[in-house]
All heavy atoms as atom14 arrays in JSON, in Angstrom:
{
  "sequence": "AVGPAGTGKTYLAVATAVKALQERDVSRIILTR",
  "atom14_mask": [
    [1, 1, 1, 1, 1, 0, 0, 0, 0, 0, 0, 0, 0, 0],
    [1, 1, 1, 1, 1, 1, 1, 0, 0, 0, 0, 0, 0, 0],
    [1, 1, 1, 1, 0, 0, 0, 0, 0, 0, 0, 0, 0, 0],
    [1, 1, 1, 1, 1, 1, 1, 0, 0, 0, 0, 0, 0, 0],
    [1, 1, 1, 1, 1, 0, 0, 0, 0, 0, 0, 0, 0, 0],
    [1, 1, 1, 1, 0, 0, 0, 0, 0, 0, 0, 0, 0, 0],
    [1, 1, 1, 1, 1, 1, 1, 0, 0, 0, 0, 0, 0, 0],
    [1, 1, 1, 1, 0, 0, 0, 0, 0, 0, 0, 0, 0, 0],
    [1, 1, 1, 1, 1, 1, 1, 1, 1, 0, 0, 0, 0, 0],
    [1, 1, 1, 1, 1, 1, 1, 0, 0, 0, 0, 0, 0, 0],
    [1, 1, 1, 1, 1, 1, 1, 1, 1, 1, 1, 1, 0, 0],
    [1, 1, 1, 1, 1, 1, 1, 1, 0, 0, 0, 0, 0, 0],
    [1, 1, 1, 1, 1, 0, 0, 0, 0, 0, 0, 0, 0, 0],
    [1, 1, 1, 1, 1, 1, 1, 0, 0, 0, 0, 0, 0, 0],
    [1, 1, 1, 1, 1, 0, 0, 0, 0, 0, 0, 0, 0, 0],
    [1, 1, 1, 1, 1, 1, 1, 0, 0, 0, 0, 0, 0, 0],
    [1, 1, 1, 1, 1, 0, 0, 0, 0, 0, 0, 0, 0, 0],
    [1, 1, 1, 1, 1, 1, 1, 0, 0, 0, 0, 0, 0, 0],
    [1, 1, 1, 1, 1, 1, 1, 1, 1, 0, 0, 0, 0, 0],
    [1, 1, 1, 1, 1, 0, 0, 0, 0, 0, 0, 0, 0, 0],
    [1, 1, 1, 1, 1, 1, 1, 1, 0, 0, 0, 0, 0, 0],
    [1, 1, 1, 1, 1, 1, 1, 1, 1, 0, 0, 0, 0, 0],
    [1, 1, 1, 1, 1, 1, 1, 1, 1, 0, 0, 0, 0, 0],
    [1, 1, 1, 1, 1, 1, 1, 1, 1, 1, 1, 0, 0, 0],
    [1, 1, 1, 1, 1, 1, 1, 1, 0, 0, 0, 0, 0, 0],
    [1, 1, 1, 1, 1, 1, 1, 0, 0, 0, 0, 0, 0, 0],
    [1, 1, 1, 1, 1, 1, 0, 0, 0, 0, 0, 0, 0, 0],
    [1, 1, 1, 1, 1, 1, 1, 1, 1, 1, 1, 0, 0, 0],
    [1, 1, 1, 1, 1, 1, 1, 1, 0, 0, 0, 0, 0, 0],
    [1, 1, 1, 1, 1, 1, 1, 1, 0, 0, 0, 0, 0, 0],
    [1, 1, 1, 1, 1, 1, 1, 1, 0, 0, 0, 0, 0, 0],
    [1, 1, 1, 1, 1, 1, 1, 0, 0, 0, 0, 0, 0, 0],
    [1, 1, 1, 1, 1, 1, 1, 1, 1, 1, 1, 0, 0, 0]
  ],
  "atom14_positions": [
    [[2.39, -51.95, -109.48], [2.81, -52.29, -108.2], [2.75, -51.03, -107.27], [3.38, -50.06, -107.61], [4.23, -52.82, -108.18], [0.0, 0.0, 0.0], [0.0, 0.0, 0.0], [0.0, 0.0, 0.0], [0.0, 0.0, 0.0], [0.0, 0.0, 0.0], [0.0, 0.0, 0.0], [0.0, 0.0, 0.0], [0.0, 0.0, 0.0], [0.0, 0.0, 0.0]],
    [[1.82, -50.97, -106.32], [1.78, -49.93, -105.49], [2.14, -50.36, -103.98], [1.49, -51.36, -103.48], [0.27, -49.38, -105.59], [0.09, -48.07, -104.61], [0.02, -49.05, -106.9], [0.0, 0.0, 0.0], [0.0, 0.0, 0.0], [0.0, 0.0, 0.0], [0.0, 0.0, 0.0], [0.0, 0.0, 0.0], [0.0, 0.0, 0.0], [0.0, 0.0, 0.0]],
    [[2.97, -49.55, -103.3], [3.22, -49.98, -102.02], [4.32, -49.0, -101.32], [4.93, -48.38, -102.18], [0.0, 0.0, 0.0], [0.0, 0.0, 0.0], [0.0, 0.0, 0.0], [0.0, 0.0, 0.0], [0.0, 0.0, 0.0], [0.0, 0.0, 0.0], [0.0, 0.0, 0.0], [0.0, 0.0, 0.0], [0.0, 0.0, 0.0], [0.0, 0.0, 0.0]],
    [[4.64, -49.21, -100.17], [5.59, -48.23, -99.51], [6.98, -48.58, -99.89], [7.27, -49.73, -100.49], [5.45, -48.69, -97.96], [4.16, -49.43, -97.85], [3.91, -50.08, -99.16], [0.0, 0.0, 0.0], [0.0, 0.0, 0.0], [0.0, 0.0, 0.0], [0.0, 0.0, 0.0], [0.0, 0.0, 0.0], [0.0, 0.0, 0.0], [0.0, 0.0, 0.0]],
    [[7.89, -47.65, -99.69], [9.35, -47.97, -100.01], [9.79, -49.18, -99.2], [9.5, -49.4, -98.03], [10.08, -46.66, -99.62], [0.0, 0.0, 0.0], [0.0, 0.0, 0.0], [0.0, 0.0, 0.0], [0.0, 0.0, 0.0], [0.0, 0.0, 0.0], [0.0, 0.0, 0.0], [0.0, 0.0, 0.0], [0.0, 0.0, 0.0], [0.0, 0.0, 0.0]],
    [[10.75, -49.96, -99.85], [11.35, -51.18, -99.27], [10.53, -52.34, -99.35], [10.79, -53.34, -98.65], [0.0, 0.0, 0.0], [0.0, 0.0, 0.0], [0.0, 0.0, 0.0], [0.0, 0.0, 0.0], [0.0, 0.0, 0.0], [0.0, 0.0, 0.0], [0.0, 0.0, 0.0], [0.0, 0.0, 0.0], [0.0, 0.0, 0.0], [0.0, 0.0, 0.0]],
    [[9.44, -52.5, -100.06], [8.54, -53.65, -100.06], [8.89, -54.59, -101.18], [8.26, -55.61, -101.53], [7.06, -53.31, -100.17], [6.93, -52.24, -101.12], [6.67, -52.74, -98.79], [0.0, 0.0, 0.0], [0.0, 0.0, 0.0], [0.0, 0.0, 0.0], [0.0, 0.0, 0.0], [0.0, 0.0, 0.0], [0.0, 0.0, 0.0], [0.0, 0.0, 0.0]],
    [[10.0, -54.23, -102.01], [10.52, -55.12, -103.06], [9.95, -54.94, -104.35], [10.06, -55.8, -105.28], [0.0, 0.0, 0.0], [0.0, 0.0, 0.0], [0.0, 0.0, 0.0], [0.0, 0.0, 0.0], [0.0, 0.0, 0.0], [0.0, 0.0, 0.0], [0.0, 0.0, 0.0], [0.0, 0.0, 0.0], [0.0, 0.0, 0.0], [0.0, 0.0, 0.0]],
    [[9.29, -53.75, -104.67], [8.67, -53.66, -105.95], [9.63, -53.62, -107.1], [9.5, -54.41, -108.03], [7.77, -52.33, -106.0], [6.76, -52.2, -104.92], [6.01, -50.85, -105.13], [6.85, -49.59, -104.79], [7.42, -49.56, -103.36], [0.0, 0.0, 0.0], [0.0, 0.0, 0.0], [0.0, 0.0, 0.0], [0.0, 0.0, 0.0], [0.0, 0.0, 0.0]],
    [[10.67, -52.83, -107.04], [11.58, -52.74, -108.06], [12.59, -53.9, -107.94], [12.9, -54.59, -109.11], [12.58, -51.49, -107.85], [11.77, -50.33, -107.94], [13.62, -51.38, -109.0], [0.0, 0.0, 0.0], [0.0, 0.0, 0.0], [0.0, 0.0, 0.0], [0.0, 0.0, 0.0], [0.0, 0.0, 0.0], [0.0, 0.0, 0.0], [0.0, 0.0, 0.0]],
    [[12.94, -54.34, -106.83], [13.93, -55.41, -106.72], [13.37, -56.86, -107.44], [14.09, -57.42, -108.07], [14.25, -55.61, -105.23], [15.45, -56.56, -104.99], [16.71, -56.15, -104.93], [15.07, -57.89, -104.57], [17.77, -56.92, -104.64], [16.24, -58.82, -104.33], [17.43, -58.25, -104.38], [18.59, -59.06, -104.18], [0.0, 0.0, 0.0], [0.0, 0.0, 0.0]],
    [[12.2, -57.08, -107.07], [11.65, -58.38, -107.55], [11.27, -58.23, -109.08], [11.38, -59.2, -109.86], [10.36, -58.72, -106.84], [10.42, -59.25, -105.37], [9.14, -59.32, -104.58], [11.11, -60.55, -105.53], [0.0, 0.0, 0.0], [0.0, 0.0, 0.0], [0.0, 0.0, 0.0], [0.0, 0.0, 0.0], [0.0, 0.0, 0.0], [0.0, 0.0, 0.0]],
    [[10.77, -57.08, -109.49], [10.67, -56.79, -110.91], [11.91, -57.05, -111.71], [11.91, -57.58, -112.8], [10.03, -55.34, -111.24], [0.0, 0.0, 0.0], [0.0, 0.0, 0.0], [0.0, 0.0, 0.0], [0.0, 0.0, 0.0], [0.0, 0.0, 0.0], [0.0, 0.0, 0.0], [0.0, 0.0, 0.0], [0.0, 0.0, 0.0], [0.0, 0.0, 0.0]],
    [[13.1, -56.39, -111.11], [14.3, -56.66, -111.84], [14.69, -58.09, -111.84], [15.16, -58.56, -112.85], [15.49, -55.74, -111.26], [16.8, -56.12, -111.87], [15.17, -54.32, -111.48], [0.0, 0.0, 0.0], [0.0, 0.0, 0.0], [0.0, 0.0, 0.0], [0.0, 0.0, 0.0], [0.0, 0.0, 0.0], [0.0, 0.0, 0.0], [0.0, 0.0, 0.0]],
    [[14.59, -58.78, -110.82], [14.85, -60.28, -110.64], [13.99, -60.95, -111.65], [14.48, -61.9, -112.32], [14.61, -60.7, -109.26], [0.0, 0.0, 0.0], [0.0, 0.0, 0.0], [0.0, 0.0, 0.0], [0.0, 0.0, 0.0], [0.0, 0.0, 0.0], [0.0, 0.0, 0.0], [0.0, 0.0, 0.0], [0.0, 0.0, 0.0], [0.0, 0.0, 0.0]],
    [[12.76, -60.7, -111.8], [11.9, -61.46, -112.79], [12.35, -61.15, -114.23], [12.29, -62.0, -115.08], [10.41, -60.96, -112.53], [10.0, -61.15, -111.18], [9.35, -61.67, -113.34], [0.0, 0.0, 0.0], [0.0, 0.0, 0.0], [0.0, 0.0, 0.0], [0.0, 0.0, 0.0], [0.0, 0.0, 0.0], [0.0, 0.0, 0.0], [0.0, 0.0, 0.0]],
    [[12.76, -59.84, -114.36], [13.19, -59.57, -115.69], [14.43, -60.25, -116.04], [14.58, -60.79, -117.19], [13.41, -58.02, -115.85], [0.0, 0.0, 0.0], [0.0, 0.0, 0.0], [0.0, 0.0, 0.0], [0.0, 0.0, 0.0], [0.0, 0.0, 0.0], [0.0, 0.0, 0.0], [0.0, 0.0, 0.0], [0.0, 0.0, 0.0], [0.0, 0.0, 0.0]],
    [[15.41, -60.36, -115.16], [16.67, -61.02, -115.5], [16.44, -62.49, -115.75], [17.04, -63.11, -116.65], [17.69, -60.77, -114.25], [18.94, -61.73, -114.53], [18.14, -59.3, -114.19], [0.0, 0.0, 0.0], [0.0, 0.0, 0.0], [0.0, 0.0, 0.0], [0.0, 0.0, 0.0], [0.0, 0.0, 0.0], [0.0, 0.0, 0.0], [0.0, 0.0, 0.0]],
    [[15.52, -63.1, -114.9], [15.27, -64.54, -115.13], [14.71, -64.69, -116.5], [14.85, -65.65, -117.33], [14.27, -65.01, -114.13], [14.08, -66.65, -114.29], [13.45, -67.16, -113.08], [13.29, -68.76, -113.23], [12.71, -69.43, -112.12], [0.0, 0.0, 0.0], [0.0, 0.0, 0.0], [0.0, 0.0, 0.0], [0.0, 0.0, 0.0], [0.0, 0.0, 0.0]],
    [[13.62, -63.82, -116.87], [12.98, -63.85, -118.21], [14.02, -63.87, -119.35], [13.87, -64.5, -120.38], [11.87, -62.93, -118.37], [0.0, 0.0, 0.0], [0.0, 0.0, 0.0], [0.0, 0.0, 0.0], [0.0, 0.0, 0.0], [0.0, 0.0, 0.0], [0.0, 0.0, 0.0], [0.0, 0.0, 0.0], [0.0, 0.0, 0.0], [0.0, 0.0, 0.0]],
    [[15.04, -62.95, -119.23], [16.15, -62.67, -120.32], [17.0, -64.1, -120.33], [17.27, -64.59, -121.34], [16.91, -61.5, -119.88], [18.12, -61.23, -120.89], [17.41, -60.73, -122.02], [18.99, -60.07, -120.2], [0.0, 0.0, 0.0], [0.0, 0.0, 0.0], [0.0, 0.0, 0.0], [0.0, 0.0, 0.0], [0.0, 0.0, 0.0], [0.0, 0.0, 0.0]],
    [[17.2, -64.58, -119.19], [18.1, -65.79, -119.12], [17.37, -66.97, -119.85], [18.11, -67.75, -120.34], [18.41, -66.27, -117.65], [19.47, -65.32, -117.02], [19.74, -65.65, -115.58], [19.0, -66.37, -114.91], [20.81, -65.04, -114.99], [0.0, 0.0, 0.0], [0.0, 0.0, 0.0], [0.0, 0.0, 0.0], [0.0, 0.0, 0.0], [0.0, 0.0, 0.0]],
    [[16.03, -67.02, -119.52], [15.27, -68.18, -120.13], [14.82, -68.0, -121.47], [14.08, -68.54, -122.13], [14.07, -68.49, -119.21], [14.52, -68.98, -118.02], [13.35, -69.37, -117.0], [12.15, -68.95, -117.29], [13.65, -69.97, -115.96], [0.0, 0.0, 0.0], [0.0, 0.0, 0.0], [0.0, 0.0, 0.0], [0.0, 0.0, 0.0], [0.0, 0.0, 0.0]],
    [[15.27, -66.73, -122.06], [14.9, -66.28, -123.54], [13.45, -66.05, -123.76], [12.9, -66.19, -124.86], [15.6, -67.24, -124.55], [17.05, -67.44, -124.36], [17.58, -68.3, -125.39], [18.96, -68.69, -125.24], [19.99, -67.81, -125.49], [19.79, -66.64, -126.15], [21.27, -68.29, -125.26], [0.0, 0.0, 0.0], [0.0, 0.0, 0.0], [0.0, 0.0, 0.0]],
    [[12.81, -65.7, -122.62], [11.32, -65.24, -122.8], [11.19, -63.87, -123.44], [10.25, -63.48, -124.07], [10.6, -65.35, -121.47], [10.46, -66.67, -120.9], [10.47, -67.7, -121.74], [10.38, -67.0, -119.73], [0.0, 0.0, 0.0], [0.0, 0.0, 0.0], [0.0, 0.0, 0.0], [0.0, 0.0, 0.0], [0.0, 0.0, 0.0], [0.0, 0.0, 0.0]],
    [[12.28, -63.13, -123.16], [12.37, -61.76, -123.81], [13.81, -61.61, -124.33], [14.67, -62.35, -123.95], [12.14, -60.69, -122.75], [10.71, -60.71, -122.22], [13.09, -60.56, -121.61], [0.0, 0.0, 0.0], [0.0, 0.0, 0.0], [0.0, 0.0, 0.0], [0.0, 0.0, 0.0], [0.0, 0.0, 0.0], [0.0, 0.0, 0.0], [0.0, 0.0, 0.0]],
    [[13.94, -60.62, -125.35], [15.24, -60.48, -125.87], [16.0, -59.32, -125.28], [17.26, -59.09, -125.49], [15.18, -60.24, -127.37], [14.34, -59.06, -127.7], [0.0, 0.0, 0.0], [0.0, 0.0, 0.0], [0.0, 0.0, 0.0], [0.0, 0.0, 0.0], [0.0, 0.0, 0.0], [0.0, 0.0, 0.0], [0.0, 0.0, 0.0], [0.0, 0.0, 0.0]],
    [[15.4, -58.43, -124.45], [15.99, -57.28, -123.78], [15.29, -56.76, -122.59], [14.01, -56.99, -122.53], [16.33, -56.16, -124.72], [15.1, -55.59, -125.44], [15.58, -54.54, -126.37], [14.53, -53.92, -127.1], [14.45, -52.77, -127.83], [15.51, -51.97, -127.7], [13.38, -52.32, -128.48], [0.0, 0.0, 0.0], [0.0, 0.0, 0.0], [0.0, 0.0, 0.0]],
    [[15.92, -56.03, -121.75], [15.38, -55.48, -120.51], [15.55, -54.02, -120.8], [16.63, -53.59, -121.0], [16.04, -55.96, -119.17], [15.85, -57.51, -119.08], [15.47, -55.35, -118.04], [16.61, -58.01, -117.97], [0.0, 0.0, 0.0], [0.0, 0.0, 0.0], [0.0, 0.0, 0.0], [0.0, 0.0, 0.0], [0.0, 0.0, 0.0], [0.0, 0.0, 0.0]],
    [[14.47, -53.27, -120.57], [14.59, -51.71, -120.48], [13.98, -51.22, -119.15], [12.96, -51.53, -118.78], [13.66, -51.2, -121.64], [14.27, -51.67, -122.99], [13.63, -49.65, -121.56], [13.46, -51.24, -124.21], [0.0, 0.0, 0.0], [0.0, 0.0, 0.0], [0.0, 0.0, 0.0], [0.0, 0.0, 0.0], [0.0, 0.0, 0.0], [0.0, 0.0, 0.0]],
    [[14.87, -50.55, -118.48], [14.54, -50.0, -117.23], [14.57, -48.45, -117.36], [15.45, -47.79, -117.87], [15.68, -50.32, -116.23], [16.06, -51.9, -116.08], [17.1, -52.0, -115.07], [14.86, -52.6, -115.42], [0.0, 0.0, 0.0], [0.0, 0.0, 0.0], [0.0, 0.0, 0.0], [0.0, 0.0, 0.0], [0.0, 0.0, 0.0], [0.0, 0.0, 0.0]],
    [[13.39, -47.87, -116.93], [13.28, -46.35, -117.07], [12.67, -45.79, -115.73], [11.94, -46.41, -115.14], [12.45, -46.15, -118.3], [12.39, -44.68, -118.47], [11.07, -46.79, -118.26], [0.0, 0.0, 0.0], [0.0, 0.0, 0.0], [0.0, 0.0, 0.0], [0.0, 0.0, 0.0], [0.0, 0.0, 0.0], [0.0, 0.0, 0.0], [0.0, 0.0, 0.0]],
    [[12.94, -44.66, -115.54], [12.34, -43.85, -114.41], [12.45, -42.29, -114.73], [13.33, -41.84, -115.43], [12.88, -44.23, -113.1], [14.3, -43.62, -112.93], [15.17, -44.29, -111.83], [14.39, -44.45, -110.55], [14.65, -43.78, -109.44], [15.6, -42.6, -109.4], [14.13, -43.96, -108.3], [0.0, 0.0, 0.0], [0.0, 0.0, 0.0], [0.0, 0.0, 0.0]]
  ]
}
């Protein structure tokens, strides 16, 4: 994901990750920077 600050790159990725965890598509979320 490439774009200016404030365009939702991290926010939407985290939301997608949390939903994947809730639906048991993944067993854990790892956030790194």
